[in-house]
Amino acid sequence: MTLPLPTGRLAERPFDPPAELRERGPLSRMSYPDGHEGWLVTSHTLVREVLADPRFSVRPELRHLPIPGALGSNQPPPPGMFSGMDAPEHTRYRRLLTGQFTVRRMRLLTERIQGITAEHLDAMEQVGPTADLVTALAQPIPAQVICELLGVPYAARARFQGHALDLFRLDATPEEMATAYAAVHGFMAELVQDKRANPTDDLLSGLTSSDLTDEELVNIGFTLLGAGLDTTANMLALGTFALLSHPGQLALLRKDPGIVDRAVEELLRYLSIIPFTVRTALEDLRLDGEQIKAGETVTVSVPAANRDAAHFTDPDTLNLLRSTAGHVAFGHGVHQCLGQQLARVELQVALPALVARFPTLRLAVPAEDIAMRTDTLIYGVHSLPVTWEV
């Protein structure tokens, strides 16, 4: 029987992926909303194999998406939209961008992240003793960081932030999606022109000295802006929710902030906020003994791979001291997340600073009343009411 991608989560286990994923084999046939019949991969080994195999393409015009409402395209990616390209086009853009993520820039951003985090914690403390962690901390930190990385005036974020988040909604109408895309794209076009005329010490300005066209720069900025806003924000909020729901693990982090690197990697593995990625076979090939035909789309389940008991001992337990080597929260292979080190730094700075500033931090409502983001592509919480003793 060919079944669709499992998406239902148990309300009482908000951090666990859909239980039905466990009932599928490592590789199984799967139906897609548009009628396509492809495959689902759930094992850690096969996920890494697919993501590292150049015979599988990321090109949007070849793929089928596994859930209704996910933003799709039947057109090749425009110049600069490198996340939807295979080699050699992807390789060219990737090398240019990797050169902009310098050690110096990351070090300066780390210092800024510490300052930005302290500013928002100060504001929480002054307004408290209750707050919505999403709007008070989780959203503004990555928004300000990505603005500074790209050279976007932070005061201008209102022009694009809401529209950028709309791009991840599964319930958005085509008209709403078109409006959001045009708004963010138009904003980036203005920014690129400004960087051409008045370059500063930021990533976009650095790229203006390359041979990239304005169209390429706009689409690169568009890609980085979208990727840098919602993912880290959801990890900060959902990661805090997970820690508050596991007081023993929270106590470990509070007692020894030195474990923060391991703690962040475990939260990334345990929560796996990106539910899937897709690849399309460019040729007939065999995978785990099965024949994959050219043109068939393979959906890779990131949460299933990161909860694979064949690779991670007791995978459904949050254990901040475990080894998480090989987790695929940032993907794997040549398309592994370009901004993963920046995301790590944001989490490594913000989470211990939060629990140190508010040692009595707790949920302000019962855990079952937390509204989960099941209507967007990236998993998380819509809001996270917290409180603390003053």
Protein backbone atom coordinates (compact mmCIF):
# COMPACT_ATOMS: atom_id res chain seq x y z
CA MET A 1 0.00 0.00 0.00
CA THR A 2 1.26 3.47 -0.91
CA LEU A 3 0.59 5.95 1.91
CA PRO A 4 1.15 9.71 2.28
CA LEU A 5 3.77 11.30 4.52
CA PRO A 6 2.78 10.96 8.20
CA THR A 7 2.32 14.39 9.77
CA GLY A 8 0.12 13.83 12.82
CA ARG A 9 1.78 14.35 16.20
CA LEU A 10 0.42 13.27 19.57
CA ALA A 11 -0.71 16.27 21.61
CA GLU A 12 0.74 14.75 24.79
CA ARG A 13 4.15 14.26 23.13
CA PRO A 14 4.78 17.56 21.31
CA PHE A 15 8.51 16.97 20.85
CA ASP A 16 8.17 13.59 19.14
CA PRO A 17 7.82 13.12 15.38
CA PRO A 18 4.70 11.39 14.00
CA ALA A 19 4.50 7.91 15.50
CA GLU A 20 3.58 6.40 12.14
CA LEU A 21 7.07 7.12 10.85
CA ARG A 22 8.31 4.26 13.03
CA GLU A 23 5.90 1.87 11.36
CA ARG A 24 7.37 2.49 7.93
CA GLY A 25 10.47 0.63 6.90
CA PRO A 26 13.78 2.37 6.23
CA LEU A 27 12.61 2.83 2.62
CA SER A 28 8.96 2.64 1.60
CA ARG A 29 6.68 3.73 -1.20
CA MET A 30 4.87 7.01 -0.58
CA SER A 31 2.07 8.91 -2.31
CA TYR A 32 2.25 12.64 -2.94
CA PRO A 33 -0.65 15.15 -2.98
CA ASP A 34 -0.25 15.72 -6.73
CA GLY A 35 -0.65 12.00 -7.47
CA HIS A 36 3.04 11.21 -7.82
CA GLU A 37 4.25 7.93 -6.33
CA GLY A 38 7.72 8.16 -4.86
CA TRP A 39 9.55 7.11 -1.75
CA LEU A 40 10.01 7.84 1.95
CA VAL A 41 13.36 7.35 3.70
CA THR A 42 13.41 7.16 7.51
CA SER A 43 16.66 5.47 8.54
CA HIS A 44 19.71 7.49 9.54
CA THR A 45 22.02 5.55 7.24
CA LEU A 46 19.82 5.88 4.16
CA VAL A 47 19.06 9.55 4.82
CA ARG A 48 22.77 10.38 4.79
CA GLU A 49 23.26 8.18 1.73
CA VAL A 50 20.57 9.97 -0.26
CA LEU A 51 21.70 13.45 0.78
CA ALA A 52 25.30 12.71 -0.22
CA ASP A 53 24.50 11.08 -3.58
CA PRO A 54 24.83 13.46 -6.59
CA ARG A 55 22.43 11.22 -8.53
CA PHE A 56 19.67 12.82 -6.47
CA SER A 57 18.73 16.38 -7.46
CA VAL A 58 17.38 19.30 -5.43
CA ARG A 59 16.04 21.14 -8.49
CA PRO A 60 12.50 22.39 -7.79
CA GLU A 61 11.20 21.75 -11.32
CA LEU A 62 11.91 18.02 -10.90
CA ARG A 63 10.50 17.44 -7.44
CA HIS A 64 7.13 16.65 -5.92
CA LEU A 65 6.34 17.98 -2.45
CA PRO A 66 4.92 15.59 0.15
CA ILE A 67 2.42 17.85 1.92
CA PRO A 68 -0.34 20.13 0.62
CA GLY A 69 0.41 23.82 0.88
CA ALA A 70 4.20 23.59 0.82
CA LEU A 71 5.70 26.20 -1.46
CA GLY A 72 6.57 24.53 -4.74
CA SER A 73 7.63 25.48 -8.23
CA ASN A 74 7.67 23.81 -11.61
CA GLN A 75 10.27 26.26 -12.89
CA PRO A 76 14.07 26.13 -12.64
CA PRO A 77 15.45 28.30 -9.84
CA PRO A 78 16.27 31.89 -10.84
CA PRO A 79 19.93 33.02 -10.80
CA GLY A 80 21.27 33.17 -7.26
CA MET A 81 18.64 30.88 -5.70
CA PHE A 82 21.41 28.39 -4.96
CA SER A 83 19.46 26.16 -2.57
CA GLY A 84 17.55 24.76 -5.55
CA MET A 85 20.58 24.08 -7.72
CA ASP A 86 22.82 21.09 -8.35
CA ALA A 87 26.53 21.18 -9.17
CA PRO A 88 28.22 22.96 -10.84
CA GLU A 89 25.92 25.99 -10.42
CA HIS A 90 25.43 25.31 -6.73
CA THR A 91 29.18 24.87 -6.23
CA ARG A 92 29.94 28.33 -7.64
CA TYR A 93 27.52 30.12 -5.33
CA ARG A 94 28.45 28.02 -2.34
CA ARG A 95 32.14 28.88 -2.67
CA LEU A 96 31.40 32.58 -2.93
CA LEU A 97 29.19 32.51 0.15
CA THR A 98 31.47 30.32 2.22
CA GLY A 99 34.14 32.96 1.69
CA GLN A 100 31.86 35.52 3.35
CA PHE A 101 31.31 33.43 6.49
CA THR A 102 34.79 34.29 7.73
CA VAL A 103 36.18 33.54 11.20
CA ARG A 104 36.45 37.29 11.82
CA ARG A 105 32.84 37.93 10.87
CA MET A 106 31.59 35.03 13.00
CA ARG A 107 33.66 36.28 15.96
CA LEU A 108 32.25 39.79 15.64
CA LEU A 109 28.74 38.40 15.30
CA THR A 110 29.25 36.26 18.41
CA GLU A 111 30.06 39.38 20.40
CA ARG A 112 27.00 41.11 18.96
CA ILE A 113 24.78 38.10 19.72
CA GLN A 114 25.88 38.31 23.35
CA GLY A 115 25.00 42.00 23.43
CA ILE A 116 21.69 41.52 21.59
CA THR A 117 20.71 38.69 23.94
CA ALA A 118 21.54 40.75 27.02
CA GLU A 119 19.45 43.66 25.70
CA HIS A 120 16.37 41.49 25.21
CA LEU A 121 16.82 39.73 28.55
CA ASP A 122 17.03 43.16 30.19
CA ALA A 123 13.77 44.14 28.51
CA MET A 124 12.10 40.89 29.62
CA GLU A 125 13.21 41.46 33.19
CA GLN A 126 11.97 45.05 33.24
CA VAL A 127 8.53 44.15 31.85
CA GLY A 128 8.16 40.80 33.67
CA PRO A 129 7.56 38.63 35.59
CA THR A 130 5.74 37.11 32.60
CA ALA A 131 6.53 37.16 28.90
CA ASP A 132 5.88 35.43 25.62
CA LEU A 133 9.32 34.04 24.91
CA VAL A 134 8.63 33.93 21.17
CA THR A 135 8.16 37.69 20.77
CA ALA A 136 10.42 38.73 23.65
CA LEU A 137 13.51 36.70 22.77
CA ALA A 138 13.21 33.93 20.17
CA GLN A 139 12.15 36.05 17.19
CA PRO A 140 14.11 39.28 17.77
CA ILE A 141 17.54 37.69 18.31
CA PRO A 142 17.87 35.91 14.93
CA ALA A 143 16.07 38.79 13.19
CA GLN A 144 18.61 41.30 14.45
CA VAL A 145 21.52 38.96 13.76
CA ILE A 146 20.54 38.22 10.16
CA CYS A 147 19.94 41.94 9.63
CA GLU A 148 23.45 42.76 10.80
CA LEU A 149 24.96 39.92 8.77
CA LEU A 150 23.30 41.12 5.55
CA GLY A 151 23.58 44.83 6.33
CA VAL A 152 19.86 45.40 6.73
CA PRO A 153 18.92 48.31 9.01
CA TYR A 154 17.19 46.60 11.95
CA ALA A 155 14.56 49.33 12.04
CA ALA A 156 13.54 48.23 8.53
CA ARG A 157 12.73 44.67 9.59
CA ALA A 158 9.01 45.42 9.86
CA ARG A 159 8.94 45.80 6.08
CA PHE A 160 9.92 42.19 5.47
CA GLN A 161 9.69 40.08 8.62
CA GLY A 162 5.98 39.33 8.50
CA HIS A 163 6.09 38.66 4.78
CA ALA A 164 9.13 36.40 5.16
CA LEU A 165 7.35 34.33 7.79
CA ASP A 166 4.32 34.03 5.51
CA LEU A 167 6.46 32.08 3.06
CA PHE A 168 6.55 29.16 5.52
CA ARG A 169 2.78 29.02 6.09
CA LEU A 170 1.00 25.94 4.79
CA ASP A 171 -2.41 27.62 4.83
CA ALA A 172 -1.43 30.70 2.81
CA THR A 173 -3.35 31.29 -0.41
CA PRO A 174 -1.46 31.63 -3.71
CA GLU A 175 -2.27 35.34 -3.62
CA GLU A 176 -0.82 35.72 -0.11
CA MET A 177 2.30 33.82 -1.14
CA ALA A 178 2.76 35.99 -4.22
CA THR A 179 2.36 39.13 -2.13
CA ALA A 180 4.88 37.92 0.45
CA TYR A 181 7.39 36.92 -2.20
CA ALA A 182 7.08 40.23 -4.04
CA ALA A 183 7.44 42.24 -0.83
CA VAL A 184 10.60 40.49 0.36
CA HIS A 185 12.06 40.39 -3.14
CA GLY A 186 11.40 44.10 -3.63
CA PHE A 187 12.99 44.94 -0.30
CA MET A 188 16.13 42.97 -1.22
CA ALA A 189 16.33 44.69 -4.62
CA GLU A 190 16.40 48.10 -2.91
CA LEU A 191 19.01 46.85 -0.44
CA VAL A 192 21.29 45.53 -3.17
CA GLN A 193 21.19 48.88 -4.96
CA ASP A 194 22.09 50.62 -1.71
CA LYS A 195 25.02 48.24 -1.11
CA ARG A 196 26.30 48.83 -4.62
CA ALA A 197 26.31 52.58 -3.98
CA ASN A 198 27.30 52.60 -0.31
CA PRO A 199 29.07 49.33 0.68
CA THR A 200 29.62 48.63 4.37
CA ASP A 201 31.18 45.78 6.35
CA ASP A 202 28.49 43.16 5.78
CA LEU A 203 27.92 40.06 3.71
CA LEU A 204 25.93 41.63 0.88
CA SER A 205 28.42 44.47 0.50
CA GLY A 206 31.20 41.91 0.35
CA LEU A 207 29.46 40.09 -2.48
CA THR A 208 29.06 43.27 -4.54
CA SER A 209 32.77 43.10 -5.35
CA SER A 210 32.27 39.73 -7.07
CA ASP A 211 30.95 39.15 -10.59
CA LEU A 212 27.42 38.48 -9.32
CA THR A 213 24.60 40.33 -11.06
CA ASP A 214 21.97 42.33 -9.19
CA GLU A 215 19.46 39.53 -9.79
CA GLU A 216 21.83 36.98 -8.30
CA LEU A 217 22.53 39.19 -5.27
CA VAL A 218 18.83 39.78 -4.67
CA ASN A 219 18.05 36.06 -4.75
CA ILE A 220 21.01 35.19 -2.54
CA GLY A 221 19.89 37.80 -0.01
CA PHE A 222 16.31 36.56 -0.26
CA THR A 223 17.45 32.97 0.44
CA LEU A 224 19.65 33.88 3.40
CA LEU A 225 17.06 36.20 4.92
CA GLY A 226 14.34 33.57 4.79
CA ALA A 227 16.62 30.85 6.13
CA GLY A 228 17.97 32.96 8.97
CA LEU A 229 14.71 34.22 10.43
CA ASP A 230 12.34 31.40 11.23
CA THR A 231 14.56 28.38 11.83
CA THR A 232 16.64 29.69 14.71
CA ALA A 233 13.65 31.48 16.21
CA ASN A 234 11.75 28.21 16.39
CA MET A 235 14.74 26.36 17.83
CA LEU A 236 15.13 28.96 20.58
CA ALA A 237 11.47 28.80 21.57
CA LEU A 238 10.95 25.06 21.15
CA GLY A 239 14.31 24.34 22.77
CA THR A 240 13.28 26.38 25.81
CA PHE A 241 9.94 24.55 25.94
CA ALA A 242 11.78 21.21 25.86
CA LEU A 243 14.14 22.25 28.64
CA LEU A 244 11.31 23.53 30.83
CA SER A 245 9.50 20.23 30.24
CA HIS A 246 12.60 18.26 31.30
CA PRO A 247 13.64 19.88 34.60
CA GLY A 248 16.45 17.39 35.20
CA GLN A 249 18.10 18.32 31.91
CA LEU A 250 17.49 22.02 32.54
CA ALA A 251 19.25 21.65 35.92
CA LEU A 252 22.28 20.14 34.17
CA LEU A 253 22.61 23.14 31.87
CA ARG A 254 22.05 25.62 34.69
CA LYS A 255 24.64 23.88 36.88
CA ASP A 256 27.28 23.57 34.17
CA PRO A 257 27.00 26.05 31.27
CA GLY A 258 30.12 24.36 29.87
CA ILE A 259 27.94 21.60 28.44
CA VAL A 260 26.10 24.07 26.22
CA ASP A 261 27.71 22.87 22.98
CA ARG A 262 26.55 19.30 23.59
CA ALA A 263 23.19 20.54 24.84
CA VAL A 264 22.55 22.51 21.65
CA GLU A 265 23.46 19.55 19.43
CA GLU A 266 21.12 17.31 21.41
CA LEU A 267 18.26 19.79 21.16
CA LEU A 268 18.85 20.04 17.42
CA ARG A 269 18.70 16.25 17.14
CA TYR A 270 15.81 15.74 19.53
CA LEU A 271 13.54 18.44 18.10
CA SER A 272 14.41 18.31 14.37
CA ILE A 273 12.22 21.26 13.43
CA ILE A 274 12.68 20.73 9.67
CA PRO A 275 10.28 17.84 8.96
CA PHE A 276 11.63 16.75 5.60
CA THR A 277 13.69 17.50 2.55
CA VAL A 278 13.24 16.05 -0.91
CA ARG A 279 15.46 14.78 -3.70
CA THR A 280 14.61 13.48 -7.18
CA ALA A 281 16.48 10.64 -8.87
CA LEU A 282 18.28 11.79 -12.01
CA GLU A 283 18.75 8.20 -13.21
CA ASP A 284 17.64 4.69 -12.38
CA LEU A 285 19.48 3.49 -9.29
CA ARG A 286 19.26 1.04 -6.42
CA LEU A 287 18.80 2.06 -2.81
CA ASP A 288 18.59 -0.43 0.04
CA GLY A 289 17.80 -3.19 -2.46
CA GLU A 290 14.98 -1.26 -4.12
CA GLN A 291 14.88 0.11 -7.65
CA ILE A 292 14.45 3.89 -7.71
CA LYS A 293 13.45 5.09 -11.16
CA ALA A 294 14.64 8.30 -12.78
CA GLY A 295 12.17 11.09 -12.01
CA GLU A 296 10.92 9.59 -8.74
CA THR A 297 11.01 11.88 -5.74
CA VAL A 298 12.44 10.65 -2.45
CA THR A 299 11.29 12.37 0.74
CA VAL A 300 13.90 12.29 3.48
CA SER A 301 12.48 12.42 7.03
CA VAL A 302 14.89 14.42 9.18
CA PRO A 303 13.07 13.71 12.48
CA ALA A 304 12.95 9.96 11.80
CA ALA A 305 16.66 9.85 11.01
CA ASN A 306 17.49 11.76 14.19
CA ARG A 307 15.36 9.36 16.25
CA ASP A 308 16.78 6.19 14.65
CA ALA A 309 17.52 3.69 17.43
CA ALA A 310 20.06 1.98 15.17
CA HIS A 311 22.25 5.08 15.43
CA PHE A 312 21.23 6.85 18.67
CA THR A 313 20.83 4.96 21.94
CA ASP A 314 17.44 5.60 23.57
CA PRO A 315 16.65 8.22 20.90
CA ASP A 316 13.35 9.42 22.38
CA THR A 317 15.07 10.60 25.56
CA LEU A 318 16.42 14.14 25.80
CA ASN A 319 19.96 13.68 27.12
CA LEU A 320 22.11 16.80 27.01
CA LEU A 321 25.25 14.76 27.74
CA ARG A 322 24.92 12.28 24.89
CA SER A 323 27.05 12.11 21.77
CA THR A 324 25.02 13.35 18.81
CA ALA A 325 27.67 12.73 16.16
CA GLY A 326 26.13 12.42 12.72
CA HIS A 327 22.77 14.06 13.41
CA VAL A 328 21.17 15.52 10.30
CA ALA A 329 19.29 18.52 11.72
CA PHE A 330 21.28 20.72 9.31
CA GLY A 331 21.11 18.20 6.50
CA HIS A 332 24.12 16.39 5.06
CA GLY A 333 26.32 16.56 2.00
CA VAL A 334 26.96 19.55 -0.25
CA HIS A 335 23.62 21.15 0.60
CA GLN A 336 24.20 21.07 4.36
CA CYS A 337 22.94 24.33 5.90
CA LEU A 338 25.33 27.16 5.06
CA GLY A 339 24.44 29.12 8.20
CA GLN A 340 24.64 26.24 10.66
CA GLN A 341 27.56 27.71 12.62
CA LEU A 342 25.72 31.00 13.02
CA ALA A 343 22.60 29.18 14.23
CA ARG A 344 24.70 27.22 16.70
CA VAL A 345 26.26 30.39 18.10
CA GLU A 346 22.85 32.01 18.58
CA LEU A 347 21.61 28.97 20.50
CA GLN A 348 24.84 28.55 22.47
CA VAL A 349 24.67 32.17 23.61
CA ALA A 350 20.95 32.64 24.19
CA LEU A 351 19.92 29.44 26.00
CA PRO A 352 22.43 29.52 28.89
CA ALA A 353 22.01 33.30 29.22
CA LEU A 354 18.25 32.83 29.55
CA VAL A 355 18.41 30.13 32.22
CA ALA A 356 21.12 32.03 34.13
CA ARG A 357 19.16 35.29 34.14
CA PHE A 358 15.92 33.63 35.26
CA PRO A 359 16.76 30.70 37.57
CA THR A 360 13.07 30.21 38.43
CA LEU A 361 11.87 30.31 34.83
CA ARG A 362 8.86 28.09 34.17
CA LEU A 363 5.86 27.79 31.88
CA ALA A 364 3.08 30.24 32.68
CA VAL A 365 0.39 27.88 31.37
CA PRO A 366 0.01 24.08 31.38
CA ALA A 367 2.21 22.41 28.77
CA GLU A 368 -0.85 21.02 26.99
CA ASP A 369 -2.11 24.58 26.40
CA ILE A 370 0.96 25.58 24.37
CA ALA A 371 -0.12 26.16 20.75
CA MET A 372 2.14 24.15 18.46
CA ARG A 373 2.98 25.29 14.93
CA THR A 374 1.39 22.55 12.88
CA ASP A 375 0.26 25.00 10.17
CA THR A 376 3.75 25.97 9.04
CA LEU A 377 6.56 24.10 7.36
CA ILE A 378 8.98 24.66 10.25
CA TYR A 379 7.84 23.09 13.53
CA GLY A 380 7.75 25.06 16.75
CA VAL A 381 5.37 27.00 18.98
CA HIS A 382 3.18 29.98 18.15
CA SER A 383 3.80 31.44 21.58
CA LEU A 384 5.52 30.34 24.78
CA PRO A 385 4.15 32.08 27.91
CA VAL A 386 6.76 31.94 30.69
CA THR A 387 7.02 33.38 34.16
CA TRP A 388 9.56 33.66 36.97
CA GLU A 389 9.93 34.78 40.57
CA VAL A 390 10.97 38.36 41.25
